[in-house]
Amino acid sequence: NRSTAGKSSRYAEYTYIVSNKQTQKNDWYNTKLQNAKARCQHVYRITVQAALKQFGSFADEAIMKELMQLHDKKVFIGKHFRSLSLKERRKIIRSSMFLKEKYDAMGVFEKMKARLVAGGDMQDKSLYEDVSSPTASVQAVFIVATVAAKERRHVVTADIGGAYLNADMVEVVHMIIKKEIASILIKWLPEYKQYMNEDGTIIVQLKKALYGCVESGRLWNKEITRQLVSMGYEQNPCNRAAVPNR
């Protein structure tokens, strides 16, 4: 049948066009996904040496800003290695500097962002009674949103920069700063030169809850809860992460 054959031909052509467009869309999506994965791998695997070699002054400035922020917030203080007891020396944990590339909306490189984190995996968790930090459940979030909508409350969100760094450390934790980062620290803050070891590293004692420490999340939770309660809020006994207004 000629009419049936014509319909079948047009249907096949239409199916091909739709399939071809879908394939092109999938190819575009897969390419974007692969690029994103490659970028993520590059961000988290790049070392300080590689960043300084590849990005030069951008990486140096990023590390400097991170170290200056930690210094201004009094996150750590320098310690002489010889002043530590044998027990304290055995508990020294490592540190790592993560560098991330920042791009604008057009995908053009803008700057580097650095973050110093502690090697909490080297800490003995058995020394702490509890290192867990409560997280608001989805149900609690929706309930708060429902109450706010019904009572026509003003709703705002806030991002607290360097949140953990607002909480004080309770236990004594010593950390070693690698020589590549220590050299940049000394360049901008010469007072730390007196703490430099023969291998170029620097030992510091953490005074604030640095990212990476096993107890940092819980310490920050206690601090933000204390601040909110002092402002008139009351912690929900059923969901410790929810602190509604009275």
Protein backbone atom coordinates (compact mmCIF):
# COMPACT_ATOMS: atom_id res chain seq x y z
CA ASN A 1 0.00 0.00 0.00
CA ARG A 2 1.55 3.25 -1.19
CA SER A 3 -0.18 5.43 1.41
CA THR A 4 0.86 3.15 4.23
CA ALA A 5 4.40 3.05 2.94
CA GLY A 6 4.48 6.83 2.80
CA LYS A 7 3.25 7.12 6.39
CA SER A 8 5.79 4.58 7.54
CA SER A 9 8.54 6.45 5.75
CA ARG A 10 7.54 9.78 7.28
CA TYR A 11 7.23 8.15 10.72
CA ALA A 12 10.68 6.61 10.37
CA GLU A 13 12.13 9.94 9.25
CA TYR A 14 10.44 11.73 12.18
CA THR A 15 11.68 9.09 14.60
CA TYR A 16 15.20 9.48 13.25
CA ILE A 17 15.11 13.26 13.63
CA VAL A 18 13.81 13.04 17.23
CA SER A 19 16.31 10.32 18.09
CA ASN A 20 19.12 12.29 16.50
CA LYS A 21 18.23 15.40 18.52
CA GLN A 22 18.01 13.33 21.68
CA THR A 23 21.41 11.80 20.92
CA GLN A 24 22.91 15.26 20.39
CA LYS A 25 21.36 16.40 23.67
CA ASN A 26 22.77 13.36 25.47
CA ASP A 27 26.19 13.95 23.91
CA TRP A 28 26.13 17.57 25.07
CA TYR A 29 25.07 16.49 28.58
CA ASN A 30 27.73 13.77 28.76
CA THR A 31 30.40 16.21 27.60
CA LYS A 32 29.38 18.70 30.31
CA LEU A 33 29.33 15.92 32.89
CA GLN A 34 32.78 14.67 31.91
CA ASN A 35 34.18 18.21 32.03
CA ALA A 36 32.66 18.73 35.48
CA LYS A 37 34.11 15.46 36.74
CA ALA A 38 37.51 16.31 35.31
CA ARG A 39 37.37 19.73 36.95
CA CYS A 40 36.43 18.21 40.31
CA GLN A 41 39.26 15.70 40.09
CA HIS A 42 41.65 18.49 39.24
CA VAL A 43 40.45 20.65 42.11
CA TYR A 44 40.83 18.04 44.83
CA ARG A 45 43.99 16.34 43.58
CA ILE A 46 46.06 19.42 42.92
CA THR A 47 48.95 19.84 45.35
CA VAL A 48 50.34 23.08 46.72
CA GLN A 49 53.47 22.66 44.61
CA ALA A 50 51.45 22.04 41.46
CA ALA A 51 49.16 25.00 42.18
CA LEU A 52 52.10 27.34 42.74
CA LYS A 53 53.73 26.11 39.54
CA GLN A 54 50.58 26.30 37.42
CA PHE A 55 48.85 29.39 38.83
CA GLY A 56 51.80 31.24 40.34
CA SER A 57 50.78 34.43 42.15
CA PHE A 58 47.09 33.38 42.12
CA ALA A 59 47.82 30.32 44.24
CA ASP A 60 50.24 32.21 46.46
CA GLU A 61 47.64 34.91 47.12
CA ALA A 62 44.93 32.34 47.87
CA ILE A 63 47.10 30.55 50.43
CA MET A 64 48.13 33.88 51.94
CA LYS A 65 44.50 34.99 52.37
CA GLU A 66 43.58 31.71 54.05
CA LEU A 67 46.52 31.88 56.45
CA MET A 68 45.84 35.54 57.25
CA GLN A 69 42.20 34.73 58.01
CA LEU A 70 43.22 31.93 60.36
CA HIS A 71 45.73 34.23 62.05
CA ASP A 72 43.22 37.08 62.47
CA LYS A 73 40.67 34.69 63.97
CA LYS A 74 43.39 33.31 66.30
CA VAL A 75 42.75 29.78 65.07
CA PHE A 76 46.21 28.56 66.10
CA ILE A 77 49.32 29.62 67.94
CA GLY A 78 52.90 28.60 67.21
CA LYS A 79 54.58 26.01 69.44
CA HIS A 80 58.21 25.01 69.82
CA PHE A 81 58.63 21.32 69.10
CA ARG A 82 61.04 20.93 72.01
CA SER A 83 58.44 22.30 74.42
CA LEU A 84 56.09 19.39 73.70
CA SER A 85 56.13 16.25 75.78
CA LEU A 86 56.71 12.86 74.18
CA LYS A 87 53.00 12.09 74.51
CA GLU A 88 52.06 15.36 72.81
CA ARG A 89 54.52 14.73 69.98
CA ARG A 90 52.93 11.37 69.25
CA LYS A 91 49.51 13.01 68.93
CA ILE A 92 50.53 15.65 66.37
CA ILE A 93 48.20 15.51 63.38
CA ARG A 94 48.90 16.47 59.79
CA SER A 95 47.36 19.33 57.84
CA SER A 96 46.42 19.72 54.19
CA MET A 97 45.81 22.72 51.98
CA PHE A 98 43.02 22.33 49.40
CA LEU A 99 42.96 24.70 46.45
CA LYS A 100 39.92 25.32 44.28
CA GLU A 101 39.67 27.20 41.02
CA LYS A 102 36.93 29.85 40.75
CA TYR A 103 35.37 30.66 37.37
CA ASP A 104 32.92 33.37 36.33
CA ALA A 105 29.59 32.73 34.56
CA MET A 106 31.36 32.57 31.19
CA GLY A 107 33.78 29.90 32.40
CA VAL A 108 36.75 32.26 32.58
CA PHE A 109 39.21 31.66 35.41
CA GLU A 110 38.98 34.34 38.10
CA LYS A 111 40.98 33.27 41.12
CA MET A 112 42.05 30.44 43.40
CA LYS A 113 40.50 29.68 46.77
CA ALA A 114 42.45 27.84 49.47
CA ARG A 115 41.41 26.13 52.67
CA LEU A 116 43.59 24.64 55.39
CA VAL A 117 42.13 21.52 57.01
CA ALA A 118 43.31 19.31 59.84
CA GLY A 119 43.96 15.58 59.51
CA GLY A 120 41.23 14.48 61.89
CA ASP A 121 41.70 10.87 60.79
CA MET A 122 44.82 10.83 62.98
CA GLN A 123 42.87 11.75 66.13
CA ASP A 124 41.87 9.10 68.64
CA LYS A 125 38.05 9.20 68.68
CA SER A 126 37.95 7.05 71.81
CA LEU A 127 39.16 10.07 73.79
CA TYR A 128 35.93 11.92 73.01
CA GLU A 129 32.58 11.02 74.53
CA ASP A 130 30.59 12.20 71.53
CA VAL A 131 31.67 13.86 68.27
CA SER A 132 28.31 13.76 66.51
CA SER A 133 26.55 16.94 65.45
CA PRO A 134 22.75 17.05 64.96
CA THR A 135 21.32 17.79 61.53
CA ALA A 136 17.84 19.16 60.94
CA SER A 137 15.53 16.54 59.47
CA VAL A 138 13.57 17.21 56.28
CA GLN A 139 10.35 16.98 58.27
CA ALA A 140 11.53 19.65 60.72
CA VAL A 141 12.49 22.00 57.87
CA PHE A 142 9.05 21.64 56.24
CA ILE A 143 7.25 22.10 59.56
CA VAL A 144 9.15 25.32 60.25
CA ALA A 145 8.38 26.52 56.70
CA THR A 146 4.68 25.67 57.14
CA VAL A 147 4.43 27.52 60.46
CA ALA A 148 6.26 30.51 58.97
CA ALA A 149 3.86 30.60 56.00
CA LYS A 150 0.73 30.31 58.16
CA GLU A 151 1.87 32.99 60.61
CA ARG A 152 3.23 35.18 57.79
CA ARG A 153 6.66 35.38 59.30
CA HIS A 154 9.66 36.97 57.61
CA VAL A 155 11.97 34.22 56.37
CA VAL A 156 15.67 34.77 55.68
CA THR A 157 18.68 32.55 55.11
CA ALA A 158 22.22 33.27 56.22
CA ASP A 159 25.64 31.92 55.38
CA ILE A 160 28.16 32.20 58.20
CA GLY A 161 31.62 32.42 56.72
CA GLY A 162 34.21 30.22 58.44
CA ALA A 163 31.51 28.96 60.80
CA TYR A 164 33.58 26.35 62.62
CA LEU A 165 36.28 28.90 63.37
CA ASN A 166 33.92 30.68 65.78
CA ALA A 167 34.01 27.74 68.21
CA ASP A 168 36.79 27.26 70.75
CA MET A 169 38.68 23.99 70.98
CA VAL A 170 38.24 22.09 74.25
CA GLU A 171 40.96 19.45 73.96
CA VAL A 172 44.61 20.25 73.22
CA VAL A 173 45.37 19.43 69.57
CA HIS A 174 48.74 20.03 67.93
CA MET A 175 49.08 20.15 64.16
CA ILE A 176 52.03 20.30 61.78
CA ILE A 177 52.08 22.74 58.88
CA LYS A 178 54.04 21.55 55.83
CA LYS A 179 57.13 23.47 54.77
CA GLU A 180 55.58 24.76 51.51
CA ILE A 181 52.76 26.40 53.44
CA ALA A 182 55.02 27.35 56.35
CA SER A 183 57.29 29.32 54.01
CA ILE A 184 54.31 31.38 52.80
CA LEU A 185 53.13 31.85 56.39
CA ILE A 186 56.53 33.19 57.44
CA LYS A 187 56.72 35.47 54.41
CA TRP A 188 53.57 37.31 55.49
CA LEU A 189 53.78 36.72 59.25
CA PRO A 190 57.49 36.71 60.23
CA GLU A 191 56.69 36.12 63.91
CA TYR A 192 56.14 32.43 63.13
CA LYS A 193 59.76 32.00 62.02
CA GLN A 194 60.83 31.27 65.60
CA TYR A 195 58.69 28.11 65.52
CA MET A 196 60.15 26.70 62.29
CA ASN A 197 61.77 23.29 62.62
CA GLU A 198 64.91 22.13 60.84
CA ASP A 199 62.84 20.46 58.10
CA GLY A 200 60.93 23.70 57.42
CA THR A 201 57.70 22.66 59.10
CA ILE A 202 55.89 24.50 61.90
CA ILE A 203 54.00 23.03 64.85
CA VAL A 204 50.88 24.88 66.00
CA GLN A 205 48.28 24.36 68.71
CA LEU A 206 44.69 24.72 67.54
CA LYS A 207 42.66 27.22 69.56
CA LYS A 208 39.59 27.16 67.29
CA ALA A 209 37.63 24.32 65.71
CA LEU A 210 39.50 23.98 62.43
CA TYR A 211 37.83 22.08 59.61
CA GLY A 212 38.83 18.44 59.62
CA CYS A 213 39.04 17.87 63.37
CA VAL A 214 36.67 15.17 64.59
CA GLU A 215 35.08 17.43 67.21
CA SER A 216 34.74 20.61 65.11
CA GLY A 217 31.17 19.98 63.96
CA ARG A 218 29.90 19.36 67.47
CA LEU A 219 31.76 22.34 68.91
CA TRP A 220 30.25 24.64 66.29
CA ASN A 221 26.78 23.25 66.96
CA LYS A 222 27.16 23.97 70.66
CA GLU A 223 28.38 27.50 69.92
CA ILE A 224 25.59 28.46 67.49
CA THR A 225 22.98 26.91 69.83
CA ARG A 226 24.34 28.90 72.76
CA GLN A 227 24.19 32.11 70.74
CA LEU A 228 20.61 31.48 69.58
CA VAL A 229 19.38 30.54 73.06
CA SER A 230 20.89 33.75 74.45
CA MET A 231 18.83 35.67 71.85
CA GLY A 232 15.57 34.16 73.09
CA TYR A 233 15.32 30.99 71.01
CA GLU A 234 14.58 27.58 72.49
CA GLN A 235 16.08 24.29 71.33
CA ASN A 236 13.54 21.69 70.23
CA PRO A 237 13.88 18.63 72.52
CA CYS A 238 12.75 16.30 69.70
CA ASN A 239 15.12 17.69 67.08
CA ARG A 240 18.25 19.22 68.55
CA ALA A 241 19.12 20.95 65.28
CA ALA A 242 15.85 22.94 65.29
CA VAL A 243 15.92 26.10 67.41
CA PRO A 244 12.60 27.92 66.85
CA ASN A 245 11.65 31.23 68.38
CA ARG A 246 9.48 31.12 71.50
